[in-house]
């Protein structure tokens, strides 16, 4: 979704430049957040601006509609249906003939199986879990500064991340 927002923003800037070159008044000025925010998070003035802009046939509106349609993707539970939706959405986005959106469709098609793993795992795992794990690993490595072998650091990681008991030593410490 972050890449979708970046693509939408680049479409908006391209559209504003095109309108300025044609001599039209700058319609898209101060409309960035109208397109980047979700519809239910818009202020009243942003809703009014968005309503005016949607009635015009601009490329940014096509991109905005594609972005809003893509949010339906996360509502699926079955990986098969999610995959079909993804394929149909990518086809629509490529037909819209917007370069930033076609880049996103190419990226989504490249990572299709990895994205659908989210649905295969029944939405139980997300990137937040992985980020938390990486944070713990980096903290443990920082605490283990000075260990001279990888095996000792590996034991420290097992102990920290897996809550494993310490290995038995020849000498007993209390």
Protein backbone atom coordinates (compact mmCIF):
# COMPACT_ATOMS: atom_id res chain seq x y z
CA UNK A 1 0.00 0.00 0.00
CA UNK A 2 2.96 2.31 0.58
CA UNK A 3 4.08 1.80 -3.02
CA UNK A 4 0.51 2.45 -4.14
CA UNK A 5 0.56 5.82 -2.36
CA UNK A 6 3.91 6.69 -3.93
CA UNK A 7 2.59 5.76 -7.38
CA UNK A 8 -0.56 7.83 -6.83
CA UNK A 9 1.50 10.81 -5.76
CA UNK A 10 3.70 10.59 -8.87
CA UNK A 11 0.58 10.35 -11.07
CA UNK A 12 -0.79 13.47 -9.37
CA UNK A 13 2.44 15.44 -9.96
CA UNK A 14 2.57 14.34 -13.61
CA UNK A 15 -1.05 15.34 -14.07
CA UNK A 16 -0.46 18.75 -12.46
CA UNK A 17 2.54 19.38 -14.74
CA UNK A 18 0.51 18.36 -17.80
CA UNK A 19 -2.37 20.66 -16.84
CA UNK A 20 0.04 23.54 -16.23
CA UNK A 21 1.67 23.05 -19.64
CA UNK A 22 -1.74 23.07 -21.33
CA UNK A 23 -2.47 26.38 -19.69
CA UNK A 24 -5.31 25.15 -17.49
CA UNK A 25 -5.67 26.44 -13.99
CA UNK A 26 -3.97 24.36 -11.34
CA UNK A 27 -6.84 22.17 -10.21
CA UNK A 28 -4.78 19.66 -8.27
CA UNK A 29 -3.08 22.13 -5.96
CA UNK A 30 -3.46 21.15 -2.26
CA UNK A 31 -5.18 17.87 -3.19
CA UNK A 32 -2.43 15.44 -2.29
CA UNK A 33 -4.01 14.08 0.87
CA UNK A 34 -7.42 13.79 -0.76
CA UNK A 35 -6.03 10.94 -2.82
CA UNK A 36 -3.63 9.39 -0.32
CA UNK A 37 -6.01 9.13 2.66
CA UNK A 38 -8.72 6.51 2.96
CA UNK A 39 -12.20 7.86 2.26
CA UNK A 40 -13.37 7.58 5.87
CA UNK A 41 -10.36 9.59 7.15
CA UNK A 42 -10.96 12.65 4.96
CA UNK A 43 -11.97 15.99 6.42
CA UNK A 44 -15.09 17.78 5.12
CA UNK A 45 -13.10 20.12 2.89
CA UNK A 46 -11.06 17.22 1.52
CA UNK A 47 -14.27 15.32 0.76
CA UNK A 48 -15.58 18.33 -1.17
CA UNK A 49 -12.34 18.69 -3.12
CA UNK A 50 -12.29 14.98 -3.87
CA UNK A 51 -15.91 15.05 -5.05
CA UNK A 52 -15.09 17.89 -7.48
CA UNK A 53 -12.01 16.10 -8.79
CA UNK A 54 -13.72 12.72 -9.22
CA UNK A 55 -16.23 14.30 -11.62
CA UNK A 56 -13.35 15.29 -13.91
CA UNK A 57 -11.77 12.71 -16.17
CA UNK A 58 -8.19 12.89 -14.90
CA UNK A 59 -5.57 10.17 -14.66
CA UNK A 60 -5.25 10.72 -10.93
CA UNK A 61 -8.91 9.75 -10.52
CA UNK A 62 -8.27 6.48 -12.36
CA UNK A 63 -5.35 5.79 -10.02
CA UNK A 64 -7.42 6.73 -6.97
CA UNK A 65 -10.21 4.35 -7.98
CA UNK A 66 -7.69 1.55 -8.52
CA UNK A 67 -6.19 2.20 -5.08
CA UNK A 68 -9.60 2.12 -3.41
CA UNK A 69 -10.51 -1.09 -5.25
CA UNK A 70 -7.29 -2.73 -4.14
CA UNK A 71 -8.28 -2.36 -0.48
CA UNK A 72 -10.89 -5.08 -1.10
CA UNK A 73 -8.00 -7.51 -1.63
CA UNK A 74 -7.25 -7.65 2.10
CA UNK A 75 -10.83 -8.68 2.90
CA UNK A 76 -10.48 -12.11 1.25
CA UNK A 77 -9.85 -15.20 3.37
CA UNK A 78 -9.30 -17.80 0.67
CA UNK A 79 -5.95 -17.63 -1.19
CA UNK A 80 -7.56 -18.84 -4.43
CA UNK A 81 -10.13 -16.05 -4.49
CA UNK A 82 -7.54 -13.51 -3.38
CA UNK A 83 -5.31 -14.64 -6.26
CA UNK A 84 -8.16 -14.25 -8.76
CA UNK A 85 -8.92 -10.78 -7.42
CA UNK A 86 -5.22 -9.88 -7.65
CA UNK A 87 -5.03 -11.06 -11.27
CA UNK A 88 -8.19 -9.16 -12.24
CA UNK A 89 -6.99 -6.02 -10.48
CA UNK A 90 -3.61 -6.20 -12.20
CA UNK A 91 -5.35 -6.54 -15.55
CA UNK A 92 -7.50 -3.46 -14.80
CA UNK A 93 -4.46 -1.48 -13.66
CA UNK A 94 -2.49 -2.33 -16.77
CA UNK A 95 -5.46 -1.35 -18.98
CA UNK A 96 -5.60 2.04 -17.22
CA UNK A 97 -2.29 2.83 -18.95
CA UNK A 98 -0.68 4.61 -15.99
CA UNK A 99 3.06 3.92 -15.79
CA UNK A 100 3.40 3.99 -11.97
CA UNK A 101 0.43 1.61 -11.65
CA UNK A 102 1.85 -0.77 -14.25
CA UNK A 103 5.08 -0.87 -12.21
CA UNK A 104 3.02 -1.88 -9.18
CA UNK A 105 1.23 -4.59 -11.16
CA UNK A 106 4.58 -5.97 -12.31
CA UNK A 107 5.82 -6.00 -8.72
CA UNK A 108 2.63 -7.69 -7.50
CA UNK A 109 2.89 -10.35 -10.20
CA UNK A 110 6.54 -11.00 -9.34
CA UNK A 111 5.70 -11.48 -5.65
CA UNK A 112 2.29 -13.08 -6.16
CA UNK A 113 3.03 -16.35 -4.34
CA UNK A 114 4.63 -14.58 -1.40
CA UNK A 115 1.69 -12.21 -1.08
CA UNK A 116 -0.79 -15.09 -1.20
CA UNK A 117 1.12 -16.83 1.61
CA UNK A 118 -0.48 -14.24 3.89
CA UNK A 119 -3.87 -15.80 3.08
CA UNK A 120 -2.53 -19.36 3.27
CA UNK A 121 -1.34 -18.60 6.80
CA UNK A 122 -4.90 -17.45 7.57
CA UNK A 123 -3.72 -13.87 8.21
CA UNK A 124 -2.02 -14.91 11.44
CA UNK A 125 1.44 -13.65 10.50
CA UNK A 126 2.38 -10.25 9.18
CA UNK A 127 5.51 -8.19 8.77
CA UNK A 128 5.14 -6.79 12.30
CA UNK A 129 6.08 -10.17 13.74
CA UNK A 130 9.18 -10.38 11.56
CA UNK A 131 10.18 -6.81 12.45
CA UNK A 132 9.83 -7.62 16.15
CA UNK A 133 11.96 -10.73 15.72
CA UNK A 134 14.65 -8.75 13.89
CA UNK A 135 14.63 -6.17 16.68
CA UNK A 136 15.17 -8.89 19.32
CA UNK A 137 17.98 -10.46 17.31
CA UNK A 138 19.77 -7.12 16.92
CA UNK A 139 19.35 -6.37 20.63
CA UNK A 140 20.73 -9.76 21.61
CA UNK A 141 23.71 -9.37 19.28
CA UNK A 142 24.39 -5.94 20.75
CA UNK A 143 24.23 -7.38 24.28
CA UNK A 144 26.53 -10.21 23.22
CA UNK A 145 29.24 -7.81 22.07
CA UNK A 146 32.57 -9.28 23.00
CA UNK A 147 31.69 -12.92 22.48
CA UNK A 148 34.53 -14.48 20.55
CA UNK A 149 32.72 -17.30 18.79
CA UNK A 150 29.58 -17.66 16.75
CA UNK A 151 28.48 -20.66 18.83
CA UNK A 152 28.23 -18.56 22.00
CA UNK A 153 26.26 -15.88 20.15
CA UNK A 154 24.02 -18.57 18.67
CA UNK A 155 23.34 -19.95 22.14
CA UNK A 156 22.50 -16.45 23.35
CA UNK A 157 20.03 -16.07 20.45
CA UNK A 158 18.41 -19.42 21.19
CA UNK A 159 18.13 -18.50 24.83
CA UNK A 160 16.66 -15.06 24.15
CA UNK A 161 14.32 -15.88 21.27
CA UNK A 162 13.26 -19.39 22.12
CA UNK A 163 13.22 -19.07 25.90
CA UNK A 164 15.37 -22.20 26.02
CA UNK A 165 17.11 -23.27 29.19
CA UNK A 166 20.82 -22.62 29.44
CA UNK A 167 23.03 -25.54 28.44
CA UNK A 168 24.46 -27.66 31.21
CA UNK A 169 28.02 -26.84 32.24
CA UNK A 170 30.68 -28.96 33.92
CA UNK A 171 30.62 -26.62 36.87
CA UNK A 172 27.43 -25.71 38.65
CA UNK A 173 26.90 -22.05 39.40
CA UNK A 174 24.59 -21.85 42.43
